Amino acid sequence: MVEKWEIKRALAAAINDHDMHRMLDCFAEDATFVSPVGVAEGHDEIAWIFEQFFKGFPDLRLIVWYEAIGNDDPLVVEWTGTGTHTGPFLLPDGRDLEATGRRISLRGTCASFIDNGKIVTHREYFDQLELFSQLGMHLAMDDTAA
């Protein structure tokens, strides 16, 4: 049986290579992926979320700088994601943010539950406001917030 940390590390390597086939191979067919972007269930929806990031940040790279190796349920890592916004990036309201050329450096963490050699649940945590601020966006109050 494959050691759980090998699967977690394989996912990070596949993300850095933007290799969707290898990434999805780390997940069970019916896996659940939870992130600030939303909840994805199954390979098609998980792939869609990653495709949005790869389109917007073609040089996206994760640097894992901490692994909670004393625990294997869930497997937890902390990472920094870096990239340059050179492609369209889907915003929460459904619009695309066209390339800004801005560099991002985003801190995050994730927890993966693995069963039978595949990730069955993956929870990703990062600050969307930090991401959007680095892209030059700002919060604005609408009339209903007053």
C-alpha atoms as a PDB file:
ATOM      1  CA  MET A   1       0.000   0.000   0.000  1.00  0.00           C
ATOM      2  CA  VAL A   2       1.186   3.508  -0.829  1.00  0.00           C
ATOM      3  CA  GLU A   3       2.157   5.572   2.191  1.00  0.00           C
ATOM      4  CA  LYS A   4      -0.300   8.445   2.735  1.00  0.00           C
ATOM      5  CA  TRP A   5       2.355  11.154   2.662  1.00  0.00           C
ATOM      6  CA  GLU A   6       3.497   9.928  -0.765  1.00  0.00           C
ATOM      7  CA  ILE A   7       0.002  10.699  -2.087  1.00  0.00           C
ATOM      8  CA  LYS A   8      -0.023  14.154  -0.503  1.00  0.00           C
ATOM      9  CA  ARG A   9       3.419  14.952  -1.915  1.00  0.00           C
ATOM     10  CA  ALA A  10       2.434  13.560  -5.315  1.00  0.00           C
ATOM     11  CA  LEU A  11      -0.518  15.970  -5.382  1.00  0.00           C
ATOM     12  CA  ALA A  12       1.740  18.965  -4.678  1.00  0.00           C
ATOM     13  CA  ALA A  13       4.176  17.862  -7.401  1.00  0.00           C
ATOM     14  CA  ALA A  14       1.350  17.397  -9.916  1.00  0.00           C
ATOM     15  CA  ILE A  15      -0.066  20.834  -9.079  1.00  0.00           C
ATOM     16  CA  ASN A  16       3.357  22.393  -9.653  1.00  0.00           C
ATOM     17  CA  ASP A  17       3.600  20.589 -12.999  1.00  0.00           C
ATOM     18  CA  HIS A  18       0.002  21.588 -13.852  1.00  0.00           C
ATOM     19  CA  ASP A  19      -0.534  17.907 -14.677  1.00  0.00           C
ATOM     20  CA  MET A  20      -4.274  17.426 -14.311  1.00  0.00           C
ATOM     21  CA  HIS A  21      -4.146  13.676 -14.979  1.00  0.00           C
ATOM     22  CA  ARG A  22      -1.623  13.091 -12.162  1.00  0.00           C
ATOM     23  CA  MET A  23      -3.530  15.453  -9.861  1.00  0.00           C
ATOM     24  CA  LEU A  24      -6.830  13.676 -10.356  1.00  0.00           C
ATOM     25  CA  ASP A  25      -5.135  10.317  -9.915  1.00  0.00           C
ATOM     26  CA  CYS A  26      -4.483  11.365  -6.294  1.00  0.00           C
ATOM     27  CA  PHE A  27      -8.238  11.759  -5.677  1.00  0.00           C
ATOM     28  CA  ALA A  28     -10.962   9.137  -5.346  1.00  0.00           C
ATOM     29  CA  GLU A  29     -13.552   9.374  -8.144  1.00  0.00           C
ATOM     30  CA  ASP A  30     -16.150  10.743  -5.700  1.00  0.00           C
ATOM     31  CA  ALA A  31     -13.742  12.897  -3.669  1.00  0.00           C
ATOM     32  CA  THR A  32     -14.881  16.159  -2.107  1.00  0.00           C
ATOM     33  CA  PHE A  33     -12.718  19.274  -2.442  1.00  0.00           C
ATOM     34  CA  VAL A  34     -13.603  22.205  -0.164  1.00  0.00           C
ATOM     35  CA  SER A  35     -11.988  25.620  -0.596  1.00  0.00           C
ATOM     36  CA  PRO A  36     -12.822  29.317  -0.317  1.00  0.00           C
ATOM     37  CA  VAL A  37     -13.781  29.073  -3.992  1.00  0.00           C
ATOM     38  CA  GLY A  38     -16.499  26.546  -3.207  1.00  0.00           C
ATOM     39  CA  VAL A  39     -17.179  22.832  -2.888  1.00  0.00           C
ATOM     40  CA  ALA A  40     -16.304  20.452  -5.711  1.00  0.00           C
ATOM     41  CA  GLU A  41     -17.428  16.846  -5.845  1.00  0.00           C
ATOM     42  CA  GLY A  42     -15.787  14.352  -8.172  1.00  0.00           C
ATOM     43  CA  HIS A  43     -12.992  14.623 -10.696  1.00  0.00           C
ATOM     44  CA  ASP A  44     -14.760  16.922 -13.166  1.00  0.00           C
ATOM     45  CA  GLU A  45     -15.560  19.596 -10.589  1.00  0.00           C
ATOM     46  CA  ILE A  46     -12.149  19.349  -8.904  1.00  0.00           C
ATOM     47  CA  ALA A  47     -10.436  19.713 -12.289  1.00  0.00           C
ATOM     48  CA  TRP A  48     -12.594  22.754 -13.086  1.00  0.00           C
ATOM     49  CA  ILE A  49     -11.420  24.586  -9.939  1.00  0.00           C
ATOM     50  CA  PHE A  50      -7.758  23.935 -10.689  1.00  0.00           C
ATOM     51  CA  GLU A  51      -8.232  24.916 -14.340  1.00  0.00           C
ATOM     52  CA  GLN A  52      -9.449  28.355 -13.235  1.00  0.00           C
ATOM     53  CA  PHE A  53      -6.243  28.923 -11.264  1.00  0.00           C
ATOM     54  CA  PHE A  54      -4.001  27.538 -14.019  1.00  0.00           C
ATOM     55  CA  LYS A  55      -5.646  29.796 -16.636  1.00  0.00           C
ATOM     56  CA  GLY A  56      -5.261  32.884 -14.482  1.00  0.00           C
ATOM     57  CA  PHE A  57      -1.802  32.019 -13.191  1.00  0.00           C
ATOM     58  CA  PRO A  58       0.014  29.872 -15.767  1.00  0.00           C
ATOM     59  CA  ASP A  59       3.167  29.920 -13.627  1.00  0.00           C
ATOM     60  CA  LEU A  60       1.323  28.990 -10.402  1.00  0.00           C
ATOM     61  CA  ARG A  61       3.601  27.180  -8.008  1.00  0.00           C
ATOM     62  CA  LEU A  62       3.120  25.817  -4.484  1.00  0.00           C
ATOM     63  CA  ILE A  63       5.932  25.803  -1.986  1.00  0.00           C
ATOM     64  CA  VAL A  64       5.135  23.458   0.877  1.00  0.00           C
ATOM     65  CA  TRP A  65       7.014  24.715   3.904  1.00  0.00           C
ATOM     66  CA  TYR A  66       5.440  22.694   6.699  1.00  0.00           C
ATOM     67  CA  GLU A  67       4.147  19.142   6.958  1.00  0.00           C
ATOM     68  CA  ALA A  68       2.438  17.965  10.143  1.00  0.00           C
ATOM     69  CA  ILE A  69       4.160  14.591   9.837  1.00  0.00           C
ATOM     70  CA  GLY A  70       3.152  13.487  13.341  1.00  0.00           C
ATOM     71  CA  ASN A  71      -0.419  13.119  12.098  1.00  0.00           C
ATOM     72  CA  ASP A  72      -1.825  11.139   9.202  1.00  0.00           C
ATOM     73  CA  ASP A  73      -5.572  11.717   9.539  1.00  0.00           C
ATOM     74  CA  PRO A  74      -5.876  14.328   8.217  1.00  0.00           C
ATOM     75  CA  LEU A  75      -2.559  15.068   6.527  1.00  0.00           C
ATOM     76  CA  VAL A  76      -1.952  18.786   7.005  1.00  0.00           C
ATOM     77  CA  VAL A  77       0.502  21.045   5.201  1.00  0.00           C
ATOM     78  CA  GLU A  78       1.104  24.762   5.045  1.00  0.00           C
ATOM     79  CA  TRP A  79       2.125  26.287   1.750  1.00  0.00           C
ATOM     80  CA  THR A  80       2.739  29.477  -0.155  1.00  0.00           C
ATOM     81  CA  GLY A  81       1.352  29.807  -3.661  1.00  0.00           C
ATOM     82  CA  THR A  82       3.053  32.164  -6.074  1.00  0.00           C
ATOM     83  CA  GLY A  83       2.275  33.164  -9.611  1.00  0.00           C
ATOM     84  CA  THR A  84       1.724  35.948 -12.106  1.00  0.00           C
ATOM     85  CA  HIS A  85      -1.769  36.905 -13.181  1.00  0.00           C
ATOM     86  CA  THR A  86      -1.354  36.700 -16.963  1.00  0.00           C
ATOM     87  CA  GLY A  87      -4.640  35.056 -17.951  1.00  0.00           C
ATOM     88  CA  PRO A  88      -8.346  35.415 -17.192  1.00  0.00           C
ATOM     89  CA  PHE A  89      -9.298  34.517 -13.618  1.00  0.00           C
ATOM     90  CA  LEU A  90     -12.867  33.685 -12.651  1.00  0.00           C
ATOM     91  CA  LEU A  91     -14.281  35.904  -9.895  1.00  0.00           C
ATOM     92  CA  PRO A  92     -16.978  34.833  -7.396  1.00  0.00           C
ATOM     93  CA  ASP A  93     -19.632  36.842  -9.277  1.00  0.00           C
ATOM     94  CA  GLY A  94     -18.991  34.908 -12.503  1.00  0.00           C
ATOM     95  CA  ARG A  95     -16.987  37.602 -14.302  1.00  0.00           C
ATOM     96  CA  ASP A  96     -13.440  37.047 -15.535  1.00  0.00           C
ATOM     97  CA  LEU A  97     -10.727  39.336 -14.225  1.00  0.00           C
ATOM     98  CA  GLU A  98      -8.505  39.952 -17.216  1.00  0.00           C
ATOM     99  CA  ALA A  99      -4.741  39.696 -16.760  1.00  0.00           C
ATOM    100  CA  THR A 100      -3.252  42.346 -14.497  1.00  0.00           C
ATOM    101  CA  GLY A 101       0.377  41.218 -14.711  1.00  0.00           C
ATOM    102  CA  ARG A 102       0.515  41.330 -10.913  1.00  0.00           C
ATOM    103  CA  ARG A 103       2.482  38.785  -8.903  1.00  0.00           C
ATOM    104  CA  ILE A 104       0.790  37.020  -6.014  1.00  0.00           C
ATOM    105  CA  SER A 105       2.152  35.328  -2.930  1.00  0.00           C
ATOM    106  CA  LEU A 106      -0.637  33.603  -1.061  1.00  0.00           C
ATOM    107  CA  ARG A 107      -0.315  31.672   2.192  1.00  0.00           C
ATOM    108  CA  GLY A 108      -2.551  28.714   2.851  1.00  0.00           C
ATOM    109  CA  THR A 109      -3.012  25.356   4.438  1.00  0.00           C
ATOM    110  CA  CYS A 110      -4.795  22.180   3.493  1.00  0.00           C
ATOM    111  CA  ALA A 111      -5.959  18.994   5.151  1.00  0.00           C
ATOM    112  CA  SER A 112      -6.440  15.736   3.264  1.00  0.00           C
ATOM    113  CA  PHE A 113      -8.210  12.581   4.380  1.00  0.00           C
ATOM    114  CA  ILE A 114      -6.934   9.513   2.526  1.00  0.00           C
ATOM    115  CA  ASP A 115      -8.603   6.141   2.270  1.00  0.00           C
ATOM    116  CA  ASN A 116      -7.575   3.168   0.124  1.00  0.00           C
ATOM    117  CA  GLY A 117      -4.682   5.095  -1.398  1.00  0.00           C
ATOM    118  CA  LYS A 118      -6.741   8.078  -2.612  1.00  0.00           C
ATOM    119  CA  ILE A 119      -7.729  11.472  -1.230  1.00  0.00           C
ATOM    120  CA  VAL A 120     -11.424  11.284  -0.316  1.00  0.00           C
ATOM    121  CA  THR A 121     -11.741  14.748   1.240  1.00  0.00           C
ATOM    122  CA  HIS A 122      -9.430  17.702   0.739  1.00  0.00           C
ATOM    123  CA  ARG A 123      -9.962  21.004   2.547  1.00  0.00           C
ATOM    124  CA  GLU A 124      -8.053  24.033   1.307  1.00  0.00           C
ATOM    125  CA  TYR A 125      -7.834  27.232   3.350  1.00  0.00           C
ATOM    126  CA  PHE A 126      -6.533  30.574   2.105  1.00  0.00           C
ATOM    127  CA  ASP A 127      -7.587  34.193   2.432  1.00  0.00           C
ATOM    128  CA  GLN A 128      -9.486  35.277  -0.684  1.00  0.00           C
ATOM    129  CA  LEU A 129      -9.250  38.926   0.388  1.00  0.00           C
ATOM    130  CA  GLU A 130      -5.458  38.585   0.453  1.00  0.00           C
ATOM    131  CA  LEU A 131      -5.560  37.156  -3.083  1.00  0.00           C
ATOM    132  CA  PHE A 132      -7.937  39.772  -4.475  1.00  0.00           C
ATOM    133  CA  SER A 133      -6.044  42.635  -2.800  1.00  0.00           C
ATOM    134  CA  GLN A 134      -2.835  41.500  -4.471  1.00  0.00           C
ATOM    135  CA  LEU A 135      -4.707  41.584  -7.789  1.00  0.00           C
ATOM    136  CA  GLY A 136      -5.608  45.244  -7.170  1.00  0.00           C
ATOM    137  CA  MET A 137      -9.205  44.704  -6.079  1.00  0.00           C
ATOM    138  CA  HIS A 138     -10.785  46.473  -3.113  1.00  0.00           C
ATOM    139  CA  LEU A 139     -13.815  45.964  -0.920  1.00  0.00           C
ATOM    140  CA  ALA A 140     -16.744  48.255  -1.569  1.00  0.00           C
ATOM    141  CA  MET A 141     -19.960  48.659   0.356  1.00  0.00           C
ATOM    142  CA  ASP A 142     -23.161  48.479  -1.604  1.00  0.00           C
ATOM    143  CA  ASP A 143     -26.371  50.284  -0.668  1.00  0.00           C
ATOM    144  CA  THR A 144     -27.717  47.322   1.317  1.00  0.00           C
ATOM    145  CA  ALA A 145     -24.735  47.357   3.702  1.00  0.00           C
ATOM    146  CA  ALA A 146     -25.358  50.907   4.889  1.00  0.00           C
END
